[in-house]
Amino acid sequence: MHWFLNIQHAREIIEQWRIEYNTERPHSSLDYMTPSEFVAQLNEKITAGSLQNTNLQVVHTMG
């Protein structure tokens, strides 16, 4: 839990959490990879052409 001093402080804390969540914390639903590792692996498969016949949908968010 955090107490925010102002909106800028809240944005900074939330951004730090988002970066940690996506780059440092493995997720069991992603075979214990971080989201960043999962996306990198997915991009490699797409580049290699091994995902041509799947129903996988990738959403990229800015941040």
PDB file of N, CA and C in Angstrom:
ATOM      1  N   MET A   1       0.844  -1.165   0.000  1.00  0.00           N
ATOM      2  CA  MET A   1       0.000   0.000   0.000  1.00  0.00           C
ATOM      3  C   MET A   1       0.899   1.241   0.000  1.00  0.00           C
ATOM      4  N   HIS A   2       0.484   2.235  -0.715  1.00  0.00           N
ATOM      5  CA  HIS A   2       1.253   3.475  -0.810  1.00  0.00           C
ATOM      6  C   HIS A   2       0.371   4.669  -0.486  1.00  0.00           C
ATOM      7  N   TRP A   3       0.971   5.642   0.137  1.00  0.00           N
ATOM      8  CA  TRP A   3       0.339   6.944   0.308  1.00  0.00           C
ATOM      9  C   TRP A   3       1.001   7.870  -0.704  1.00  0.00           C
ATOM     10  N   PHE A   4       0.214   8.444  -1.564  1.00  0.00           N
ATOM     11  CA  PHE A   4       0.747   9.320  -2.597  1.00  0.00           C
ATOM     12  C   PHE A   4       0.685  10.764  -2.142  1.00  0.00           C
ATOM     13  N   LEU A   5       1.754  11.487  -2.399  1.00  0.00           N
ATOM     14  CA  LEU A   5       1.824  12.883  -2.002  1.00  0.00           C
ATOM     15  C   LEU A   5       1.051  13.790  -2.950  1.00  0.00           C
ATOM     16  N   ASN A   6       1.043  13.406  -4.235  1.00  0.00           N
ATOM     17  CA  ASN A   6       0.330  14.158  -5.257  1.00  0.00           C
ATOM     18  C   ASN A   6       0.204  13.273  -6.493  1.00  0.00           C
ATOM     19  N   ILE A   7      -0.413  13.766  -7.525  1.00  0.00           N
ATOM     20  CA  ILE A   7      -0.647  12.959  -8.730  1.00  0.00           C
ATOM     21  C   ILE A   7       0.666  12.553  -9.401  1.00  0.00           C
ATOM     22  N   GLN A   8       1.651  13.433  -9.419  1.00  0.00           N
ATOM     23  CA  GLN A   8       2.947  13.107 -10.021  1.00  0.00           C
ATOM     24  C   GLN A   8       3.619  11.973  -9.260  1.00  0.00           C
ATOM     25  N   HIS A   9       3.557  12.020  -7.950  1.00  0.00           N
ATOM     26  CA  HIS A   9       4.138  10.966  -7.127  1.00  0.00           C
ATOM     27  C   HIS A   9       3.433   9.632  -7.407  1.00  0.00           C
ATOM     28  N   ALA A  10       2.125   9.646  -7.534  1.00  0.00           N
ATOM     29  CA  ALA A  10       1.362   8.434  -7.855  1.00  0.00           C
ATOM     30  C   ALA A  10       1.800   7.880  -9.202  1.00  0.00           C
ATOM     31  N   ARG A  11       1.948   8.736 -10.191  1.00  0.00           N
ATOM     32  CA  ARG A  11       2.369   8.288 -11.520  1.00  0.00           C
ATOM     33  C   ARG A  11       3.746   7.632 -11.473  1.00  0.00           C
ATOM     34  N   GLU A  12       4.664   8.209 -10.710  1.00  0.00           N
ATOM     35  CA  GLU A  12       6.017   7.664 -10.606  1.00  0.00           C
ATOM     36  C   GLU A  12       6.004   6.282  -9.954  1.00  0.00           C
ATOM     37  N   ILE A  13       5.265   6.130  -8.866  1.00  0.00           N
ATOM     38  CA  ILE A  13       5.186   4.850  -8.161  1.00  0.00           C
ATOM     39  C   ILE A  13       4.526   3.788  -9.046  1.00  0.00           C
ATOM     40  N   ILE A  14       3.453   4.166  -9.708  1.00  0.00           N
ATOM     41  CA  ILE A  14       2.742   3.225 -10.577  1.00  0.00           C
ATOM     42  C   ILE A  14       3.613   2.811 -11.757  1.00  0.00           C
ATOM     43  N   GLU A  15       4.351   3.736 -12.324  1.00  0.00           N
ATOM     44  CA  GLU A  15       5.248   3.411 -13.441  1.00  0.00           C
ATOM     45  C   GLU A  15       6.351   2.458 -12.987  1.00  0.00           C
ATOM     46  N   GLN A  16       6.901   2.676 -11.803  1.00  0.00           N
ATOM     47  CA  GLN A  16       7.911   1.766 -11.267  1.00  0.00           C
ATOM     48  C   GLN A  16       7.336   0.361 -11.104  1.00  0.00           C
ATOM     49  N   TRP A  17       6.108   0.277 -10.598  1.00  0.00           N
ATOM     50  CA  TRP A  17       5.451  -1.017 -10.425  1.00  0.00           C
ATOM     51  C   TRP A  17       5.223  -1.690 -11.784  1.00  0.00           C
ATOM     52  N   ARG A  18       4.769  -0.918 -12.776  1.00  0.00           N
ATOM     53  CA  ARG A  18       4.499  -1.482 -14.097  1.00  0.00           C
ATOM     54  C   ARG A  18       5.768  -2.065 -14.708  1.00  0.00           C
ATOM     55  N   ILE A  19       6.872  -1.364 -14.589  1.00  0.00           N
ATOM     56  CA  ILE A  19       8.139  -1.839 -15.142  1.00  0.00           C
ATOM     57  C   ILE A  19       8.569  -3.118 -14.433  1.00  0.00           C
ATOM     58  N   GLU A  20       8.494  -3.131 -13.108  1.00  0.00           N
ATOM     59  CA  GLU A  20       8.852  -4.337 -12.353  1.00  0.00           C
ATOM     60  C   GLU A  20       7.952  -5.511 -12.746  1.00  0.00           C
ATOM     61  N   TYR A  21       6.658  -5.271 -12.828  1.00  0.00           N
ATOM     62  CA  TYR A  21       5.693  -6.319 -13.152  1.00  0.00           C
ATOM     63  C   TYR A  21       5.984  -6.947 -14.513  1.00  0.00           C
ATOM     64  N   ASN A  22       6.379  -6.139 -15.473  1.00  0.00           N
ATOM     65  CA  ASN A  22       6.582  -6.628 -16.837  1.00  0.00           C
ATOM     66  C   ASN A  22       7.989  -7.124 -17.131  1.00  0.00           C
ATOM     67  N   THR A  23       8.972  -6.755 -16.307  1.00  0.00           N
ATOM     68  CA  THR A  23      10.351  -7.126 -16.632  1.00  0.00           C
ATOM     69  C   THR A  23      11.029  -7.996 -15.581  1.00  0.00           C
ATOM     70  N   GLU A  24      10.503  -8.039 -14.359  1.00  0.00           N
ATOM     71  CA  GLU A  24      11.201  -8.752 -13.291  1.00  0.00           C
ATOM     72  C   GLU A  24      10.408  -9.887 -12.662  1.00  0.00           C
ATOM     73  N   ARG A  25       9.083  -9.876 -12.803  1.00  0.00           N
ATOM     74  CA  ARG A  25       8.251 -10.855 -12.111  1.00  0.00           C
ATOM     75  C   ARG A  25       7.765 -11.939 -13.061  1.00  0.00           C
ATOM     76  N   PRO A  26       8.236 -13.184 -12.873  1.00  0.00           N
ATOM     77  CA  PRO A  26       7.750 -14.274 -13.712  1.00  0.00           C
ATOM     78  C   PRO A  26       6.274 -14.559 -13.428  1.00  0.00           C
ATOM     79  N   HIS A  27       5.568 -15.006 -14.440  1.00  0.00           N
ATOM     80  CA  HIS A  27       4.144 -15.301 -14.325  1.00  0.00           C
ATOM     81  C   HIS A  27       3.921 -16.772 -14.651  1.00  0.00           C
ATOM     82  N   SER A  28       3.217 -17.464 -13.791  1.00  0.00           N
ATOM     83  CA  SER A  28       2.973 -18.890 -14.024  1.00  0.00           C
ATOM     84  C   SER A  28       2.197 -19.114 -15.319  1.00  0.00           C
ATOM     85  N   SER A  29       1.311 -18.201 -15.661  1.00  0.00           N
ATOM     86  CA  SER A  29       0.527 -18.347 -16.891  1.00  0.00           C
ATOM     87  C   SER A  29       1.378 -18.189 -18.152  1.00  0.00           C
ATOM     88  N   LEU A  30       2.584 -17.660 -18.002  1.00  0.00           N
ATOM     89  CA  LEU A  30       3.502 -17.497 -19.135  1.00  0.00           C
ATOM     90  C   LEU A  30       4.672 -18.470 -19.014  1.00  0.00           C
ATOM     91  N   ASP A  31       4.427 -19.613 -18.390  1.00  0.00           N
ATOM     92  CA  ASP A  31       5.457 -20.637 -18.185  1.00  0.00           C
ATOM     93  C   ASP A  31       6.638 -20.064 -17.402  1.00  0.00           C
ATOM     94  N   TYR A  32       6.326 -19.262 -16.425  1.00  0.00           N
ATOM     95  CA  TYR A  32       7.301 -18.645 -15.512  1.00  0.00           C
ATOM     96  C   TYR A  32       8.317 -17.746 -16.207  1.00  0.00           C
ATOM     97  N   MET A  33       7.854 -17.106 -17.276  1.00  0.00           N
ATOM     98  CA  MET A  33       8.644 -16.053 -17.913  1.00  0.00           C
ATOM     99  C   MET A  33       8.038 -14.715 -17.501  1.00  0.00           C
ATOM    100  N   THR A  34       8.826 -13.663 -17.624  1.00  0.00           N
ATOM    101  CA  THR A  34       8.260 -12.332 -17.444  1.00  0.00           C
ATOM    102  C   THR A  34       7.489 -11.980 -18.712  1.00  0.00           C
ATOM    103  N   PRO A  35       6.556 -11.040 -18.652  1.00  0.00           N
ATOM    104  CA  PRO A  35       5.875 -10.632 -19.875  1.00  0.00           C
ATOM    105  C   PRO A  35       6.853 -10.177 -20.966  1.00  0.00           C
ATOM    106  N   SER A  36       7.906  -9.488 -20.581  1.00  0.00           N
ATOM    107  CA  SER A  36       8.893  -9.043 -21.572  1.00  0.00           C
ATOM    108  C   SER A  36       9.583 -10.227 -22.241  1.00  0.00           C
ATOM    109  N   GLU A  37       9.937 -11.240 -21.452  1.00  0.00           N
ATOM    110  CA  GLU A  37      10.564 -12.434 -22.023  1.00  0.00           C
ATOM    111  C   GLU A  37       9.588 -13.157 -22.949  1.00  0.00           C
ATOM    112  N   PHE A  38       8.327 -13.236 -22.535  1.00  0.00           N
ATOM    113  CA  PHE A  38       7.310 -13.902 -23.344  1.00  0.00           C
ATOM    114  C   PHE A  38       7.146 -13.218 -24.693  1.00  0.00           C
ATOM    115  N   VAL A  39       7.073 -11.895 -24.684  1.00  0.00           N
ATOM    116  CA  VAL A  39       6.915 -11.140 -25.934  1.00  0.00           C
ATOM    117  C   VAL A  39       8.144 -11.315 -26.824  1.00  0.00           C
ATOM    118  N   ALA A  40       9.329 -11.306 -26.224  1.00  0.00           N
ATOM    119  CA  ALA A  40      10.548 -11.495 -27.017  1.00  0.00           C
ATOM    120  C   ALA A  40      10.545 -12.871 -27.678  1.00  0.00           C
ATOM    121  N   GLN A  41      10.161 -13.894 -26.928  1.00  0.00           N
ATOM    122  CA  GLN A  41      10.096 -15.243 -27.482  1.00  0.00           C
ATOM    123  C   GLN A  41       9.042 -15.330 -28.584  1.00  0.00           C
ATOM    124  N   LEU A  42       7.913 -14.688 -28.356  1.00  0.00           N
ATOM    125  CA  LEU A  42       6.843 -14.678 -29.347  1.00  0.00           C
ATOM    126  C   LEU A  42       7.299 -13.979 -30.625  1.00  0.00           C
ATOM    127  N   ASN A  43       7.985 -12.853 -30.482  1.00  0.00           N
ATOM    128  CA  ASN A  43       8.498 -12.133 -31.654  1.00  0.00           C
ATOM    129  C   ASN A  43       9.486 -12.981 -32.446  1.00  0.00           C
ATOM    130  N   GLU A  44      10.317 -13.764 -31.743  1.00  0.00           N
ATOM    131  CA  GLU A  44      11.254 -14.658 -32.435  1.00  0.00           C
ATOM    132  C   GLU A  44      10.500 -15.696 -33.254  1.00  0.00           C
ATOM    133  N   LYS A  45       9.432 -16.252 -32.675  1.00  0.00           N
ATOM    134  CA  LYS A  45       8.640 -17.256 -33.389  1.00  0.00           C
ATOM    135  C   LYS A  45       7.925 -16.641 -34.585  1.00  0.00           C
ATOM    136  N   ILE A  46       7.441 -15.426 -34.425  1.00  0.00           N
ATOM    137  CA  ILE A  46       6.771 -14.741 -35.538  1.00  0.00           C
ATOM    138  C   ILE A  46       7.768 -14.479 -36.658  1.00  0.00           C
ATOM    139  N   THR A  47       8.961 -14.010 -36.302  1.00  0.00           N
ATOM    140  CA  THR A  47      10.006 -13.731 -37.286  1.00  0.00           C
ATOM    141  C   THR A  47      10.419 -15.005 -38.023  1.00  0.00           C
ATOM    142  N   ALA A  48      10.471 -16.105 -37.283  1.00  0.00           N
ATOM    143  CA  ALA A  48      10.861 -17.380 -37.892  1.00  0.00           C
ATOM    144  C   ALA A  48       9.729 -17.988 -38.716  1.00  0.00           C
ATOM    145  N   GLY A  49       8.534 -17.431 -38.593  1.00  0.00           N
ATOM    146  CA  GLY A  49       7.399 -17.920 -39.363  1.00  0.00           C
ATOM    147  C   GLY A  49       6.739 -19.154 -38.783  1.00  0.00           C
ATOM    148  N   SER A  50       7.019 -19.458 -37.522  1.00  0.00           N
ATOM    149  CA  SER A  50       6.465 -20.680 -36.933  1.00  0.00           C
ATOM    150  C   SER A  50       5.093 -20.472 -36.289  1.00  0.00           C
ATOM    151  N   LEU A  51       4.506 -19.300 -36.392  1.00  0.00           N
ATOM    152  CA  LEU A  51       3.188 -19.050 -35.808  1.00  0.00           C
ATOM    153  C   LEU A  51       2.157 -18.687 -36.871  1.00  0.00           C
ATOM    154  N   GLN A  52       2.336 -19.153 -38.058  1.00  0.00           N
ATOM    155  CA  GLN A  52       1.453 -18.759 -39.150  1.00  0.00           C
ATOM    156  C   GLN A  52       0.028 -19.268 -38.992  1.00  0.00           C
ATOM    157  N   ASN A  53      -0.169 -20.457 -38.462  1.00  0.00           N
ATOM    158  CA  ASN A  53      -1.502 -21.059 -38.411  1.00  0.00           C
ATOM    159  C   ASN A  53      -2.038 -21.132 -36.982  1.00  0.00           C
ATOM    160  N   THR A  54      -1.963 -20.036 -36.265  1.00  0.00           N
ATOM    161  CA  THR A  54      -2.497 -20.009 -34.895  1.00  0.00           C
ATOM    162  C   THR A  54      -3.558 -18.934 -34.795  1.00  0.00           C
ATOM    163  N   ASN A  55      -4.313 -18.998 -33.743  1.00  0.00           N
ATOM    164  CA  ASN A  55      -5.323 -17.980 -33.465  1.00  0.00           C
ATOM    165  C   ASN A  55      -4.816 -16.972 -32.437  1.00  0.00           C
ATOM    166  N   LEU A  56      -3.515 -16.905 -32.269  1.00  0.00           N
ATOM    167  CA  LEU A  56      -2.926 -16.024 -31.276  1.00  0.00           C
ATOM    168  C   LEU A  56      -3.094 -14.580 -31.682  1.00  0.00           C
ATOM    169  N   GLN A  57      -3.498 -13.763 -30.723  1.00  0.00           N
ATOM    170  CA  GLN A  57      -3.671 -12.337 -30.966  1.00  0.00           C
ATOM    171  C   GLN A  57      -2.751 -11.589 -30.005  1.00  0.00           C
ATOM    172  N   VAL A  58      -1.884 -10.750 -30.539  1.00  0.00           N
ATOM    173  CA  VAL A  58      -0.930 -10.010 -29.736  1.00  0.00           C
ATOM    174  C   VAL A  58      -1.372  -8.556 -29.674  1.00  0.00           C
ATOM    175  N   VAL A  59      -1.398  -8.028 -28.461  1.00  0.00           N
ATOM    176  CA  VAL A  59      -1.746  -6.633 -28.263  1.00  0.00           C
ATOM    177  C   VAL A  59      -0.525  -5.933 -27.702  1.00  0.00           C
ATOM    178  N   HIS A  60      -0.122  -4.865 -28.326  1.00  0.00           N
ATOM    179  CA  HIS A  60       1.032  -4.089 -27.863  1.00  0.00           C
ATOM    180  C   HIS A  60       0.510  -2.801 -27.243  1.00  0.00           C
ATOM    181  N   THR A  61       0.987  -2.519 -26.033  1.00  0.00           N
ATOM    182  CA  THR A  61       0.615  -1.259 -25.402  1.00  0.00           C
ATOM    183  C   THR A  61       1.840  -0.375 -25.297  1.00  0.00           C
ATOM    184  N   MET A  62       1.623   0.893 -25.400  1.00  0.00           N
ATOM    185  CA  MET A  62       2.730   1.837 -25.282  1.00  0.00           C
ATOM    186  C   MET A  62       3.040   2.037 -23.811  1.00  0.00           C
ATOM    187  N   GLY A  63       4.292   2.319 -23.524  1.00  0.00           N
ATOM    188  CA  GLY A  63       4.589   2.572 -22.125  1.00  0.00           C
ATOM    189  C   GLY A  63       6.009   2.589 -21.784  1.00  0.00           C
TER     190      GLY A  63
END
